[in-house]
Amino acid sequence: MSESKALSYTCPCATCEIEVKAGAKPMFSGFCHCNTCRIARQSPVNFGCVWQVADVSVTKGKDNIAKFNIPGKKFEKNICKTCGDLLWILNGFGTYQTSGTQWLDSDKKVRPGLEPSAHLYYSERVTDSHNKDPLPKYLDFPKGFGGSDKTWSEEETKA
């Protein structure tokens, strides 16, 4: 990811725009299989980037953003009121989650520096579509994020 240029994302109707400041790097970029993310994004698995709140700003349409809390969870969805596009989620860790697909380049490839590095909550997965990729598959989180650092292995499930 270029150190000199900010990343920006505009919702499909072009009413709202968010920007990640120049030089900012995601705290994490990867796949989450947890039930909360599946509910929040209405998808069986989610590719996303986690950012420090200070690195993300609304550059257009601030008054057109609706906030919704997911009942019983520390997740706040922020969507465009016009088109319903999910802009980001403020998660229970006090960081912003954006969809990894928001940061695709013009060739529909993940931009350098934002490639997925792991799977989270792999034990909660509802599909095995990723079990052959080489990324680590954490049962919860890596130790650096407060998790157990335990990973799933195919051999354990065969026993």
Protein backbone atom coordinates (compact mmCIF):
# COMPACT_ATOMS: atom_id res chain seq x y z
CA MET A 1 0.00 0.00 0.00
CA SER A 2 1.41 3.38 -0.93
CA GLU A 3 2.71 5.47 1.95
CA SER A 4 1.89 8.73 0.18
CA LYS A 5 -1.76 8.36 -0.81
CA ALA A 6 -4.89 8.02 1.28
CA LEU A 7 -7.38 5.26 0.49
CA SER A 8 -10.94 6.38 -0.15
CA TYR A 9 -14.17 4.47 -0.62
CA THR A 10 -17.43 5.89 -1.97
CA CYS A 11 -20.71 4.06 -1.48
CA PRO A 12 -22.56 2.93 -4.65
CA CYS A 13 -24.83 6.00 -4.72
CA ALA A 14 -21.82 8.34 -4.16
CA THR A 15 -23.48 10.07 -1.20
CA CYS A 16 -20.97 8.95 1.44
CA GLU A 17 -17.22 8.64 1.31
CA ILE A 18 -14.76 7.36 3.88
CA GLU A 19 -11.02 7.77 3.80
CA VAL A 20 -8.12 6.00 5.46
CA LYS A 21 -5.31 8.46 6.00
CA ALA A 22 -2.11 8.23 3.99
CA GLY A 23 0.41 5.78 5.41
CA ALA A 24 -2.10 4.03 7.69
CA LYS A 25 -1.86 0.27 7.78
CA PRO A 26 -4.63 -2.06 8.92
CA MET A 27 -4.19 -3.68 12.32
CA PHE A 28 -5.49 -6.85 10.69
CA SER A 29 -6.66 -7.93 7.28
CA GLY A 30 -8.27 -11.31 6.86
CA PHE A 31 -11.31 -13.55 7.08
CA CYS A 32 -13.65 -13.68 10.08
CA HIS A 33 -16.00 -16.61 10.59
CA CYS A 34 -17.61 -15.51 13.89
CA ASN A 35 -21.36 -15.46 14.31
CA THR A 36 -21.38 -11.72 15.08
CA CYS A 37 -19.66 -10.83 11.80
CA ARG A 38 -21.98 -13.18 9.90
CA ILE A 39 -24.98 -11.36 11.42
CA ALA A 40 -23.50 -7.90 10.86
CA ARG A 41 -22.54 -8.49 7.24
CA GLN A 42 -25.16 -11.09 6.35
CA SER A 43 -22.54 -13.38 4.88
CA PRO A 44 -21.14 -16.80 5.86
CA VAL A 45 -17.57 -15.50 5.93
CA ASN A 46 -16.22 -11.96 5.88
CA PHE A 47 -13.03 -10.51 4.43
CA GLY A 48 -12.22 -7.28 6.16
CA CYS A 49 -9.65 -4.83 7.38
CA VAL A 50 -9.46 -3.56 10.97
CA TRP A 51 -8.30 0.04 11.40
CA GLN A 52 -7.57 2.39 14.28
CA VAL A 53 -10.48 4.83 14.58
CA ALA A 54 -8.08 7.77 14.24
CA ASP A 55 -7.03 6.51 10.78
CA VAL A 56 -10.56 6.59 9.27
CA SER A 57 -12.65 9.68 8.55
CA VAL A 58 -15.85 10.57 6.74
CA THR A 59 -15.01 12.96 3.91
CA LYS A 60 -18.49 13.19 2.40
CA GLY A 61 -22.06 12.57 3.58
CA LYS A 62 -21.55 12.56 7.35
CA ASP A 63 -25.19 13.55 7.92
CA ASN A 64 -26.34 10.71 5.66
CA ILE A 65 -24.90 7.91 7.81
CA ALA A 66 -27.27 5.82 9.92
CA LYS A 67 -26.00 3.86 12.92
CA PHE A 68 -27.50 0.57 14.04
CA ASN A 69 -26.53 -1.49 17.05
CA ILE A 70 -26.63 -5.24 16.71
CA PRO A 71 -28.76 -6.44 19.66
CA GLY A 72 -26.71 -8.07 22.41
CA LYS A 73 -23.41 -7.31 20.67
CA LYS A 74 -20.85 -4.52 20.85
CA PHE A 75 -21.14 -3.82 17.14
CA GLU A 76 -22.39 -0.60 15.58
CA LYS A 77 -23.11 -0.76 11.85
CA ASN A 78 -22.69 2.51 9.95
CA ILE A 79 -24.53 2.59 6.64
CA CYS A 80 -25.46 5.07 3.94
CA LYS A 81 -29.09 6.16 4.47
CA THR A 82 -29.64 6.44 0.71
CA CYS A 83 -28.33 3.15 -0.69
CA GLY A 84 -27.92 1.06 2.49
CA ASP A 85 -24.26 0.29 1.83
CA LEU A 86 -22.31 -0.81 4.91
CA LEU A 87 -19.49 1.70 5.33
CA TRP A 88 -17.89 0.35 8.51
CA ILE A 89 -18.58 -1.39 11.80
CA LEU A 90 -17.38 -0.01 15.12
CA ASN A 91 -16.59 -3.26 16.91
CA GLY A 92 -16.35 -4.21 20.57
CA PHE A 93 -12.59 -3.61 20.55
CA GLY A 94 -13.02 0.08 19.69
CA THR A 95 -11.71 -0.27 16.15
CA TYR A 96 -13.32 0.13 12.74
CA GLN A 97 -13.91 -2.85 10.48
CA THR A 98 -14.28 -2.17 6.80
CA SER A 99 -15.02 -4.70 4.13
CA GLY A 100 -11.91 -5.84 2.29
CA THR A 101 -13.82 -5.51 -0.96
CA GLN A 102 -14.06 -1.76 -0.39
CA TRP A 103 -10.35 -1.54 -1.08
CA LEU A 104 -10.11 -3.48 -4.34
CA ASP A 105 -8.11 -1.84 -7.09
CA SER A 106 -9.41 -1.18 -10.60
CA ASP A 107 -8.55 -4.78 -11.58
CA LYS A 108 -10.72 -6.08 -8.68
CA LYS A 109 -7.66 -7.32 -6.79
CA VAL A 110 -6.83 -6.60 -3.16
CA ARG A 111 -4.48 -3.66 -2.96
CA PRO A 112 -0.91 -4.36 -1.83
CA GLY A 113 -0.63 -4.20 1.97
CA LEU A 114 -4.26 -5.25 2.49
CA GLU A 115 -3.95 -8.93 1.59
CA PRO A 116 -5.58 -11.32 4.06
CA SER A 117 -3.15 -12.73 6.63
CA ALA A 118 -5.31 -15.19 8.62
CA HIS A 119 -8.75 -16.59 9.47
CA LEU A 120 -10.38 -15.69 12.80
CA TYR A 121 -12.90 -17.80 14.72
CA TYR A 122 -12.38 -20.67 12.31
CA SER A 123 -14.08 -23.03 14.76
CA GLU A 124 -17.34 -21.10 14.16
CA ARG A 125 -17.21 -21.44 10.38
CA VAL A 126 -20.31 -22.56 8.50
CA THR A 127 -18.44 -23.49 5.32
CA ASP A 128 -15.06 -25.06 4.57
CA SER A 129 -14.48 -23.10 1.40
CA HIS A 130 -11.12 -21.81 2.67
CA ASN A 131 -9.66 -24.87 4.38
CA LYS A 132 -7.06 -25.45 1.65
CA ASP A 133 -5.56 -21.95 1.67
CA PRO A 134 -2.20 -21.56 3.44
CA LEU A 135 -3.36 -18.87 5.91
CA PRO A 136 -3.36 -19.67 9.64
CA LYS A 137 -6.83 -20.53 10.97
CA TYR A 138 -7.18 -19.25 14.54
CA LEU A 139 -9.85 -20.72 16.80
CA ASP A 140 -10.29 -17.17 18.14
CA PHE A 141 -7.54 -14.50 17.79
CA PRO A 142 -3.77 -14.39 17.55
CA LYS A 143 -2.08 -13.75 20.91
CA GLY A 144 -1.18 -10.19 19.87
CA PHE A 145 -4.90 -9.36 19.73
CA GLY A 146 -5.71 -10.95 23.09
CA GLY A 147 -6.60 -14.40 21.77
CA SER A 148 -5.46 -17.90 22.68
CA ASP A 149 -3.20 -18.16 19.60
CA LYS A 150 -4.58 -21.68 19.07
CA THR A 151 -5.06 -22.73 15.46
CA TRP A 152 -7.29 -25.28 13.78
CA SER A 153 -5.73 -28.25 12.06
CA GLU A 154 -7.36 -30.69 9.68
CA GLU A 155 -5.73 -33.62 11.50
CA GLU A 156 -7.58 -32.78 14.75
CA THR A 157 -10.94 -33.17 13.06
CA LYS A 158 -10.09 -36.63 11.64
CA ALA A 159 -9.46 -38.20 15.07
